[in-house]
Amino acid sequence: MRGWLLVGGLTLLSPQIFMTAAQAQQMATFLCAAPAGHVCQFAVRTAGSQVNFSLPSGERKEVPNITPHADKYCVCDPGPVTPDCKAPQLDHWCMGSWVDVDTGLNSENNLANHAFAGD
């Protein structure tokens, strides 16, 4: 009897568990806020993989299947994105660490302090 109650309870809860997991994944927008003429290299680490893409200055890209505050991203200018998110050379810029993907606009580029290669 208890076994049937447990199976019945899990059957009733299963759709809610799957809906919660599906709702956790969202679309996230990434922006290259580097100065004109620059190209940002992005890497987004999700639970199952890593997505890499390039964006010219001022461009935006929407990336699906993101879990906010669980998935991480790094951006470098001009690139490449390194495993530790640190600039590979003196004339390159990287964020310095992997940060949480937010549901809003994701770009940690620092225009005010000219934190870009060649500036």
N, C-alpha and C. Protein backbone atom coordinates (compact mmCIF):
# COMPACT_ATOMS: atom_id res chain seq x y z
N MET A 1 0.83 -1.20 0.00
CA MET A 1 0.00 0.00 0.00
C MET A 1 0.87 1.26 0.00
N ARG A 2 1.88 1.26 0.87
CA ARG A 2 2.77 2.44 0.92
C ARG A 2 3.48 2.65 -0.41
N GLY A 3 3.86 1.53 -1.04
CA GLY A 3 4.53 1.63 -2.34
C GLY A 3 3.65 2.31 -3.37
N TRP A 4 2.38 1.97 -3.39
CA TRP A 4 1.45 2.60 -4.34
C TRP A 4 1.25 4.07 -4.02
N LEU A 5 1.22 4.40 -2.74
CA LEU A 5 1.08 5.81 -2.36
C LEU A 5 2.30 6.61 -2.79
N LEU A 6 3.47 6.01 -2.63
CA LEU A 6 4.70 6.68 -3.03
C LEU A 6 4.73 6.88 -4.54
N VAL A 7 4.40 5.84 -5.31
CA VAL A 7 4.37 5.96 -6.77
C VAL A 7 3.34 6.98 -7.20
N GLY A 8 2.16 6.94 -6.59
CA GLY A 8 1.11 7.91 -6.92
C GLY A 8 1.55 9.34 -6.61
N GLY A 9 2.18 9.53 -5.47
CA GLY A 9 2.65 10.87 -5.09
C GLY A 9 3.72 11.37 -6.04
N LEU A 10 4.66 10.50 -6.41
CA LEU A 10 5.70 10.91 -7.35
C LEU A 10 5.13 11.21 -8.73
N THR A 11 4.14 10.45 -9.14
CA THR A 11 3.49 10.69 -10.43
C THR A 11 2.82 12.05 -10.45
N LEU A 12 2.20 12.41 -9.36
CA LEU A 12 1.54 13.72 -9.30
C LEU A 12 2.55 14.86 -9.25
N LEU A 13 3.70 14.65 -8.61
CA LEU A 13 4.70 15.70 -8.48
C LEU A 13 5.60 15.83 -9.71
N SER A 14 5.74 14.77 -10.49
CA SER A 14 6.67 14.77 -11.62
C SER A 14 6.46 15.94 -12.58
N PRO A 15 5.24 16.24 -13.02
CA PRO A 15 5.09 17.39 -13.93
C PRO A 15 5.56 18.70 -13.31
N GLN A 16 5.35 18.87 -12.02
CA GLN A 16 5.78 20.11 -11.36
C GLN A 16 7.30 20.19 -11.31
N ILE A 17 7.95 19.05 -11.07
CA ILE A 17 9.41 19.04 -11.03
C ILE A 17 9.96 19.41 -12.39
N PHE A 18 9.40 18.81 -13.46
CA PHE A 18 9.88 19.12 -14.81
C PHE A 18 9.56 20.55 -15.20
N MET A 19 8.42 21.08 -14.80
CA MET A 19 8.09 22.48 -15.11
C MET A 19 9.07 23.41 -14.42
N THR A 20 9.42 23.13 -13.17
CA THR A 20 10.36 23.97 -12.44
C THR A 20 11.72 23.96 -13.13
N ALA A 21 12.19 22.80 -13.55
CA ALA A 21 13.47 22.71 -14.24
C ALA A 21 13.43 23.46 -15.56
N ALA A 22 12.34 23.34 -16.30
CA ALA A 22 12.22 24.04 -17.57
C ALA A 22 12.15 25.54 -17.38
N GLN A 23 11.49 25.98 -16.33
CA GLN A 23 11.37 27.41 -16.07
C GLN A 23 12.70 28.01 -15.66
N ALA A 24 13.57 27.21 -15.08
CA ALA A 24 14.85 27.72 -14.62
C ALA A 24 15.72 28.15 -15.80
N GLN A 25 15.56 27.48 -16.94
CA GLN A 25 16.35 27.85 -18.10
C GLN A 25 15.66 28.98 -18.84
N GLN A 26 16.45 29.99 -19.19
CA GLN A 26 15.90 31.17 -19.83
C GLN A 26 16.81 31.62 -20.97
N MET A 27 16.38 32.65 -21.65
CA MET A 27 17.18 33.31 -22.68
C MET A 27 18.00 34.39 -21.97
N ALA A 28 19.26 34.51 -22.32
CA ALA A 28 20.11 35.56 -21.75
C ALA A 28 20.70 36.37 -22.90
N THR A 29 20.84 37.67 -22.69
CA THR A 29 21.38 38.57 -23.71
C THR A 29 22.79 38.98 -23.34
N PHE A 30 23.68 38.90 -24.32
CA PHE A 30 25.08 39.28 -24.13
C PHE A 30 25.37 40.46 -25.05
N LEU A 31 26.18 41.40 -24.56
CA LEU A 31 26.52 42.63 -25.28
C LEU A 31 28.02 42.82 -25.30
N CYS A 32 28.55 43.16 -26.46
CA CYS A 32 29.95 43.56 -26.55
C CYS A 32 29.99 45.07 -26.39
N ALA A 33 30.45 45.53 -25.23
CA ALA A 33 30.51 46.96 -24.94
C ALA A 33 31.92 47.51 -25.15
N ALA A 34 32.71 46.82 -25.95
CA ALA A 34 34.06 47.28 -26.26
C ALA A 34 34.00 48.50 -27.18
N PRO A 35 35.09 49.25 -27.27
CA PRO A 35 35.12 50.40 -28.18
C PRO A 35 34.94 49.97 -29.64
N ALA A 36 34.54 50.91 -30.47
CA ALA A 36 34.32 50.63 -31.89
C ALA A 36 35.54 49.96 -32.51
N GLY A 37 35.28 48.98 -33.36
CA GLY A 37 36.35 48.26 -34.04
C GLY A 37 36.85 47.03 -33.30
N HIS A 38 36.43 46.85 -32.05
CA HIS A 38 36.85 45.67 -31.28
C HIS A 38 35.86 44.53 -31.48
N VAL A 39 36.32 43.32 -31.21
CA VAL A 39 35.47 42.13 -31.26
C VAL A 39 35.65 41.37 -29.95
N CYS A 40 34.55 41.18 -29.24
CA CYS A 40 34.58 40.46 -27.96
C CYS A 40 34.43 38.96 -28.22
N GLN A 41 35.17 38.19 -27.47
CA GLN A 41 35.06 36.73 -27.50
C GLN A 41 34.37 36.31 -26.20
N PHE A 42 33.23 35.63 -26.33
CA PHE A 42 32.47 35.18 -25.17
C PHE A 42 32.55 33.67 -25.04
N ALA A 43 32.50 33.19 -23.81
CA ALA A 43 32.33 31.77 -23.51
C ALA A 43 31.30 31.69 -22.39
N VAL A 44 30.32 30.82 -22.55
CA VAL A 44 29.28 30.62 -21.54
C VAL A 44 29.31 29.16 -21.13
N ARG A 45 29.56 28.92 -19.84
CA ARG A 45 29.59 27.55 -19.31
C ARG A 45 28.23 27.22 -18.70
N THR A 46 27.61 26.18 -19.26
CA THR A 46 26.35 25.69 -18.72
C THR A 46 26.62 24.34 -18.06
N ALA A 47 25.60 23.75 -17.50
CA ALA A 47 25.78 22.47 -16.81
C ALA A 47 26.30 21.39 -17.75
N GLY A 48 25.91 21.44 -19.01
CA GLY A 48 26.28 20.36 -19.92
C GLY A 48 27.32 20.69 -20.97
N SER A 49 27.62 21.97 -21.17
CA SER A 49 28.53 22.30 -22.26
C SER A 49 29.08 23.72 -22.11
N GLN A 50 29.83 24.13 -23.11
CA GLN A 50 30.32 25.51 -23.18
C GLN A 50 29.97 26.05 -24.56
N VAL A 51 29.41 27.25 -24.59
CA VAL A 51 29.04 27.92 -25.84
C VAL A 51 30.05 29.05 -26.05
N ASN A 52 30.67 29.08 -27.21
CA ASN A 52 31.64 30.13 -27.56
C ASN A 52 31.09 30.93 -28.74
N PHE A 53 31.25 32.25 -28.68
CA PHE A 53 30.82 33.09 -29.80
C PHE A 53 31.55 34.42 -29.76
N SER A 54 31.57 35.09 -30.91
CA SER A 54 32.20 36.40 -31.06
C SER A 54 31.13 37.43 -31.34
N LEU A 55 31.35 38.65 -30.84
CA LEU A 55 30.44 39.76 -31.13
C LEU A 55 31.25 41.01 -31.42
N PRO A 56 30.97 41.68 -32.52
CA PRO A 56 31.59 42.98 -32.77
C PRO A 56 31.07 44.02 -31.76
N SER A 57 31.82 45.05 -31.57
CA SER A 57 31.45 46.12 -30.64
C SER A 57 30.03 46.61 -30.90
N GLY A 58 29.26 46.72 -29.82
CA GLY A 58 27.89 47.22 -29.90
C GLY A 58 26.85 46.18 -30.25
N GLU A 59 27.27 44.97 -30.63
CA GLU A 59 26.32 43.91 -31.02
C GLU A 59 25.82 43.14 -29.79
N ARG A 60 24.63 42.58 -29.93
CA ARG A 60 24.01 41.77 -28.89
C ARG A 60 23.70 40.39 -29.45
N LYS A 61 23.66 39.41 -28.56
CA LYS A 61 23.29 38.05 -28.95
C LYS A 61 22.47 37.43 -27.83
N GLU A 62 21.37 36.79 -28.19
CA GLU A 62 20.56 36.07 -27.22
C GLU A 62 20.97 34.60 -27.26
N VAL A 63 21.21 34.04 -26.09
CA VAL A 63 21.61 32.64 -25.96
C VAL A 63 20.52 31.91 -25.17
N PRO A 64 19.96 30.85 -25.76
CA PRO A 64 18.89 30.11 -25.07
C PRO A 64 19.45 29.10 -24.07
N ASN A 65 18.56 28.54 -23.28
CA ASN A 65 18.86 27.45 -22.35
C ASN A 65 19.91 27.82 -21.30
N ILE A 66 19.78 29.03 -20.77
CA ILE A 66 20.68 29.52 -19.73
C ILE A 66 19.98 29.40 -18.38
N THR A 67 20.72 28.97 -17.37
CA THR A 67 20.20 28.94 -16.01
C THR A 67 20.85 30.11 -15.27
N PRO A 68 20.11 31.20 -15.05
CA PRO A 68 20.68 32.38 -14.40
C PRO A 68 21.28 32.06 -13.03
N HIS A 69 22.39 32.68 -12.75
CA HIS A 69 23.10 32.58 -11.47
C HIS A 69 23.68 31.20 -11.21
N ALA A 70 23.55 30.27 -12.16
CA ALA A 70 24.20 28.96 -12.07
C ALA A 70 25.23 28.84 -13.19
N ASP A 71 24.86 29.29 -14.40
CA ASP A 71 25.79 29.28 -15.52
C ASP A 71 26.73 30.47 -15.38
N LYS A 72 27.93 30.31 -15.93
CA LYS A 72 28.97 31.35 -15.82
C LYS A 72 29.40 31.80 -17.21
N TYR A 73 29.92 33.02 -17.28
CA TYR A 73 30.46 33.49 -18.55
C TYR A 73 31.73 34.29 -18.35
N CYS A 74 32.49 34.37 -19.44
CA CYS A 74 33.72 35.17 -19.49
C CYS A 74 33.72 35.88 -20.83
N VAL A 75 34.25 37.08 -20.86
CA VAL A 75 34.41 37.81 -22.12
C VAL A 75 35.83 38.37 -22.16
N CYS A 76 36.44 38.25 -23.35
CA CYS A 76 37.79 38.76 -23.57
C CYS A 76 37.80 39.60 -24.85
N ASP A 77 38.74 40.52 -24.90
CA ASP A 77 38.89 41.39 -26.05
C ASP A 77 40.38 41.48 -26.35
N PRO A 78 40.87 40.99 -27.44
CA PRO A 78 40.16 40.36 -28.54
C PRO A 78 39.96 38.86 -28.36
N GLY A 79 40.51 38.26 -27.38
CA GLY A 79 40.38 36.82 -27.18
C GLY A 79 41.74 36.17 -27.25
N PRO A 80 41.84 34.93 -27.06
CA PRO A 80 40.77 33.97 -26.81
C PRO A 80 40.34 33.98 -25.34
N VAL A 81 39.20 33.36 -25.06
CA VAL A 81 38.78 33.16 -23.67
C VAL A 81 39.65 32.05 -23.12
N THR A 82 40.25 32.32 -21.98
CA THR A 82 41.15 31.35 -21.35
C THR A 82 40.43 30.61 -20.23
N PRO A 83 40.92 29.44 -19.82
CA PRO A 83 40.25 28.68 -18.76
C PRO A 83 40.07 29.45 -17.46
N ASP A 84 41.00 30.35 -17.13
CA ASP A 84 40.89 31.13 -15.89
C ASP A 84 40.31 32.53 -16.12
N CYS A 85 39.93 32.84 -17.36
CA CYS A 85 39.34 34.13 -17.74
C CYS A 85 40.30 35.29 -17.48
N LYS A 86 41.58 35.04 -17.62
CA LYS A 86 42.60 36.08 -17.47
C LYS A 86 43.22 36.34 -18.84
N ALA A 87 43.64 37.57 -19.08
CA ALA A 87 44.22 37.96 -20.37
C ALA A 87 45.46 37.12 -20.67
N PRO A 88 45.54 36.53 -21.87
CA PRO A 88 46.68 35.68 -22.20
C PRO A 88 47.95 36.47 -22.54
N GLN A 89 47.79 37.76 -22.88
CA GLN A 89 48.93 38.61 -23.22
C GLN A 89 48.67 40.01 -22.68
N LEU A 90 49.71 40.81 -22.59
CA LEU A 90 49.58 42.17 -22.05
C LEU A 90 48.67 43.05 -22.89
N ASP A 91 48.61 42.83 -24.20
CA ASP A 91 47.79 43.69 -25.06
C ASP A 91 46.36 43.15 -25.22
N HIS A 92 45.95 42.23 -24.37
CA HIS A 92 44.60 41.67 -24.38
C HIS A 92 43.89 42.06 -23.09
N TRP A 93 42.56 41.95 -23.11
CA TRP A 93 41.76 42.21 -21.91
C TRP A 93 40.80 41.05 -21.70
N CYS A 94 40.68 40.59 -20.47
CA CYS A 94 39.67 39.62 -20.08
C CYS A 94 39.09 40.06 -18.74
N MET A 95 37.91 39.57 -18.41
CA MET A 95 37.22 39.98 -17.18
C MET A 95 38.03 39.66 -15.94
N GLY A 96 38.81 38.60 -15.96
CA GLY A 96 39.61 38.24 -14.80
C GLY A 96 39.04 37.10 -13.99
N SER A 97 37.75 36.83 -14.16
CA SER A 97 37.12 35.69 -13.50
C SER A 97 35.80 35.38 -14.19
N TRP A 98 35.36 34.14 -14.04
CA TRP A 98 34.06 33.73 -14.58
C TRP A 98 32.99 34.27 -13.65
N VAL A 99 31.96 34.89 -14.21
CA VAL A 99 30.88 35.47 -13.39
C VAL A 99 29.55 34.83 -13.77
N ASP A 100 28.59 34.95 -12.86
CA ASP A 100 27.26 34.40 -13.08
C ASP A 100 26.56 35.10 -14.24
N VAL A 101 25.88 34.31 -15.04
CA VAL A 101 25.02 34.87 -16.09
C VAL A 101 23.78 35.42 -15.40
N ASP A 102 23.37 36.61 -15.78
CA ASP A 102 22.21 37.27 -15.22
C ASP A 102 21.06 37.22 -16.22
N THR A 103 19.86 37.47 -15.75
CA THR A 103 18.71 37.49 -16.66
C THR A 103 18.67 38.78 -17.47
N GLY A 104 19.38 39.79 -17.04
CA GLY A 104 19.43 41.05 -17.79
C GLY A 104 20.53 41.02 -18.84
N LEU A 105 21.15 42.14 -19.08
CA LEU A 105 22.20 42.27 -20.07
C LEU A 105 23.53 41.82 -19.47
N ASN A 106 24.24 40.95 -20.15
CA ASN A 106 25.50 40.41 -19.65
C ASN A 106 26.66 40.99 -20.42
N SER A 107 27.41 41.86 -19.78
CA SER A 107 28.62 42.43 -20.33
C SER A 107 29.36 43.09 -19.19
N GLU A 108 30.52 42.58 -18.88
CA GLU A 108 31.31 43.14 -17.79
C GLU A 108 32.41 44.07 -18.31
N ASN A 109 32.30 44.46 -19.57
CA ASN A 109 33.29 45.37 -20.12
C ASN A 109 33.20 46.71 -19.40
N ASN A 110 34.33 47.34 -19.19
CA ASN A 110 34.38 48.55 -18.38
C ASN A 110 34.81 49.74 -19.24
N LEU A 111 33.86 50.38 -19.90
CA LEU A 111 34.18 51.52 -20.77
C LEU A 111 34.71 52.72 -19.99
N ALA A 112 34.17 52.94 -18.80
CA ALA A 112 34.57 54.12 -18.02
C ALA A 112 36.05 54.10 -17.68
N ASN A 113 36.60 52.93 -17.42
CA ASN A 113 38.01 52.84 -17.06
C ASN A 113 38.89 52.35 -18.20
N HIS A 114 38.34 52.35 -19.41
CA HIS A 114 39.09 51.96 -20.60
C HIS A 114 39.78 50.61 -20.42
N ALA A 115 39.05 49.63 -19.93
CA ALA A 115 39.61 48.32 -19.63
C ALA A 115 39.56 47.42 -20.87
N PHE A 116 40.18 47.87 -21.96
CA PHE A 116 40.21 47.10 -23.19
C PHE A 116 41.59 47.13 -23.79
N ALA A 117 41.89 46.11 -24.57
CA ALA A 117 43.15 46.07 -25.28
C ALA A 117 43.24 47.27 -26.22
N GLY A 118 44.37 47.88 -26.27
CA GLY A 118 44.60 48.97 -27.20
C GLY A 118 44.11 50.32 -26.73
N ASP A 119 43.53 50.40 -25.54
CA ASP A 119 43.04 51.69 -25.03
C ASP A 119 44.07 52.34 -24.12
